[in-house]
Amino acid sequence: MPVLIKNIVCVGRNYAQHAQELNNGIPQAPLLFTKPTHSLAEANGKEIIFPGDRGQIQDEADDF
């Protein structure tokens, strides 16, 4: 059965090492932001191809 996703809420700069790699400061409080649901890509075990002409892409992927 498909999962209906209504909202995407993200936490940014919560990994100190990743923030340092990007030369970003580490906030005192969580940095929350939202993403549109059309930004999701379902891989189903396959490779996801990112467009090469959109600049730098910082992706965070997780297995569900």
N, C-alpha and C. Protein backbone atom coordinates (compact mmCIF):
# COMPACT_ATOMS: atom_id res chain seq x y z
N MET A 1 0.86 -1.18 0.00
CA MET A 1 0.00 0.00 0.00
C MET A 1 0.90 1.24 0.00
N PRO A 2 0.65 2.22 -0.88
CA PRO A 2 1.47 3.43 -0.92
C PRO A 2 1.32 4.27 0.34
N VAL A 3 2.38 4.95 0.68
CA VAL A 3 2.39 5.84 1.83
C VAL A 3 2.04 7.24 1.35
N LEU A 4 1.07 7.87 1.97
CA LEU A 4 0.69 9.24 1.62
C LEU A 4 1.51 10.21 2.47
N ILE A 5 2.32 11.02 1.83
CA ILE A 5 3.16 11.99 2.54
C ILE A 5 2.56 13.37 2.34
N LYS A 6 2.21 14.02 3.44
CA LYS A 6 1.57 15.34 3.37
C LYS A 6 2.55 16.48 3.64
N ASN A 7 3.54 16.25 4.48
CA ASN A 7 4.49 17.29 4.86
C ASN A 7 5.89 16.71 4.97
N ILE A 8 6.88 17.51 4.60
CA ILE A 8 8.27 17.14 4.79
C ILE A 8 8.91 18.24 5.63
N VAL A 9 9.31 17.89 6.84
CA VAL A 9 9.97 18.82 7.74
C VAL A 9 11.38 18.29 7.95
N CYS A 10 12.38 19.15 7.75
CA CYS A 10 13.78 18.75 7.80
C CYS A 10 14.50 19.48 8.93
N VAL A 11 15.56 18.85 9.40
CA VAL A 11 16.44 19.46 10.39
C VAL A 11 17.78 19.66 9.72
N GLY A 12 18.29 20.88 9.72
CA GLY A 12 19.54 21.18 9.05
C GLY A 12 20.66 21.47 10.03
N ARG A 13 21.85 21.21 9.57
CA ARG A 13 23.09 21.46 10.32
C ARG A 13 23.07 20.77 11.68
N ASN A 14 22.49 19.59 11.72
CA ASN A 14 22.45 18.84 12.98
C ASN A 14 23.61 17.86 13.09
N TYR A 15 24.43 17.76 12.05
CA TYR A 15 25.63 16.93 12.10
C TYR A 15 26.84 17.86 12.08
N ALA A 16 27.54 17.94 13.18
CA ALA A 16 28.64 18.89 13.32
C ALA A 16 29.69 18.71 12.22
N GLN A 17 30.05 17.47 11.93
CA GLN A 17 31.09 17.21 10.93
C GLN A 17 30.66 17.70 9.54
N HIS A 18 29.38 17.47 9.19
CA HIS A 18 28.90 17.92 7.88
C HIS A 18 28.86 19.45 7.82
N ALA A 19 28.44 20.10 8.89
CA ALA A 19 28.42 21.56 8.93
C ALA A 19 29.84 22.11 8.75
N GLN A 20 30.80 21.49 9.38
CA GLN A 20 32.19 21.95 9.24
C GLN A 20 32.69 21.75 7.82
N GLU A 21 32.31 20.64 7.17
CA GLU A 21 32.71 20.40 5.78
C GLU A 21 32.23 21.51 4.87
N LEU A 22 31.05 22.06 5.17
CA LEU A 22 30.46 23.12 4.35
C LEU A 22 30.83 24.52 4.84
N ASN A 23 31.69 24.58 5.86
CA ASN A 23 32.08 25.86 6.47
C ASN A 23 30.87 26.61 7.02
N ASN A 24 29.92 25.88 7.59
CA ASN A 24 28.75 26.48 8.21
C ASN A 24 28.90 26.44 9.72
N GLY A 25 28.37 27.45 10.37
CA GLY A 25 28.34 27.43 11.83
C GLY A 25 27.33 26.40 12.33
N ILE A 26 27.50 25.99 13.56
CA ILE A 26 26.56 25.05 14.16
C ILE A 26 25.60 25.86 15.03
N PRO A 27 24.31 25.86 14.69
CA PRO A 27 23.35 26.68 15.42
C PRO A 27 23.13 26.19 16.85
N GLN A 28 22.74 27.10 17.72
CA GLN A 28 22.43 26.75 19.11
C GLN A 28 21.10 26.01 19.21
N ALA A 29 20.18 26.31 18.31
CA ALA A 29 18.86 25.67 18.28
C ALA A 29 18.72 24.96 16.94
N PRO A 30 17.86 23.94 16.86
CA PRO A 30 17.68 23.23 15.59
C PRO A 30 17.26 24.18 14.47
N LEU A 31 17.80 23.94 13.30
CA LEU A 31 17.45 24.68 12.10
C LEU A 31 16.42 23.84 11.35
N LEU A 32 15.17 24.27 11.37
CA LEU A 32 14.09 23.52 10.72
C LEU A 32 13.71 24.19 9.41
N PHE A 33 13.41 23.37 8.41
CA PHE A 33 12.93 23.89 7.14
C PHE A 33 12.03 22.85 6.50
N THR A 34 11.25 23.26 5.53
CA THR A 34 10.34 22.34 4.85
C THR A 34 10.77 22.14 3.41
N LYS A 35 10.30 21.08 2.84
CA LYS A 35 10.53 20.77 1.43
C LYS A 35 9.18 20.44 0.81
N PRO A 36 8.98 20.75 -0.47
CA PRO A 36 7.73 20.37 -1.12
C PRO A 36 7.69 18.85 -1.34
N THR A 37 6.52 18.28 -1.29
CA THR A 37 6.41 16.83 -1.46
C THR A 37 6.89 16.37 -2.84
N HIS A 38 6.84 17.23 -3.84
CA HIS A 38 7.33 16.81 -5.16
C HIS A 38 8.86 16.72 -5.21
N SER A 39 9.55 17.07 -4.11
CA SER A 39 11.01 16.94 -4.08
C SER A 39 11.45 15.52 -3.72
N LEU A 40 10.50 14.66 -3.35
CA LEU A 40 10.83 13.27 -3.04
C LEU A 40 11.07 12.48 -4.32
N ALA A 41 11.98 11.53 -4.21
CA ALA A 41 12.22 10.61 -5.33
C ALA A 41 12.22 9.20 -4.76
N GLU A 42 11.38 8.35 -5.29
CA GLU A 42 11.31 6.97 -4.82
C GLU A 42 12.26 6.13 -5.66
N ALA A 43 13.24 5.52 -5.00
CA ALA A 43 14.27 4.77 -5.72
C ALA A 43 13.87 3.33 -5.98
N ASN A 44 13.16 2.71 -5.08
CA ASN A 44 12.79 1.29 -5.23
C ASN A 44 13.99 0.42 -5.56
N GLY A 45 15.13 0.71 -4.92
CA GLY A 45 16.33 -0.07 -5.14
C GLY A 45 17.09 0.28 -6.40
N LYS A 46 16.64 1.30 -7.12
CA LYS A 46 17.30 1.70 -8.36
C LYS A 46 18.08 2.99 -8.15
N GLU A 47 18.94 3.31 -9.08
CA GLU A 47 19.74 4.52 -9.03
C GLU A 47 18.87 5.74 -9.34
N ILE A 48 19.09 6.82 -8.60
CA ILE A 48 18.42 8.09 -8.88
C ILE A 48 19.42 8.98 -9.62
N ILE A 49 19.04 9.46 -10.79
CA ILE A 49 19.90 10.30 -11.61
C ILE A 49 19.55 11.77 -11.35
N PHE A 50 20.54 12.54 -10.92
CA PHE A 50 20.36 13.97 -10.69
C PHE A 50 20.75 14.74 -11.95
N PRO A 51 20.04 15.82 -12.26
CA PRO A 51 20.41 16.61 -13.44
C PRO A 51 21.79 17.23 -13.25
N GLY A 52 22.59 17.24 -14.29
CA GLY A 52 23.96 17.72 -14.19
C GLY A 52 24.12 19.21 -14.37
N ASP A 53 23.06 19.92 -14.75
CA ASP A 53 23.18 21.35 -15.04
C ASP A 53 22.50 22.23 -14.00
N ARG A 54 22.35 21.75 -12.78
CA ARG A 54 21.63 22.50 -11.74
C ARG A 54 22.53 23.02 -10.63
N GLY A 55 23.83 22.91 -10.79
CA GLY A 55 24.75 23.35 -9.76
C GLY A 55 25.00 22.23 -8.74
N GLN A 56 25.57 22.61 -7.62
CA GLN A 56 25.93 21.64 -6.59
C GLN A 56 24.67 21.10 -5.91
N ILE A 57 24.64 19.81 -5.71
CA ILE A 57 23.52 19.18 -5.02
C ILE A 57 24.02 18.55 -3.74
N GLN A 58 23.44 18.94 -2.62
CA GLN A 58 23.72 18.33 -1.32
C GLN A 58 22.56 17.41 -1.01
N ASP A 59 22.74 16.12 -1.24
CA ASP A 59 21.62 15.21 -1.01
C ASP A 59 21.77 14.49 0.33
N GLU A 60 20.68 14.24 0.94
CA GLU A 60 20.61 13.43 2.16
C GLU A 60 19.63 12.32 1.85
N ALA A 61 20.08 11.13 1.90
CA ALA A 61 19.21 10.00 1.58
C ALA A 61 19.13 9.06 2.77
N ASP A 62 18.01 8.41 2.89
CA ASP A 62 17.79 7.48 3.98
C ASP A 62 16.99 6.30 3.46
N ASP A 63 17.21 5.16 4.03
CA ASP A 63 16.44 3.98 3.67
C ASP A 63 15.25 3.85 4.62
N PHE A 64 14.12 3.53 4.06
CA PHE A 64 12.93 3.35 4.88
C PHE A 64 12.52 1.91 4.86
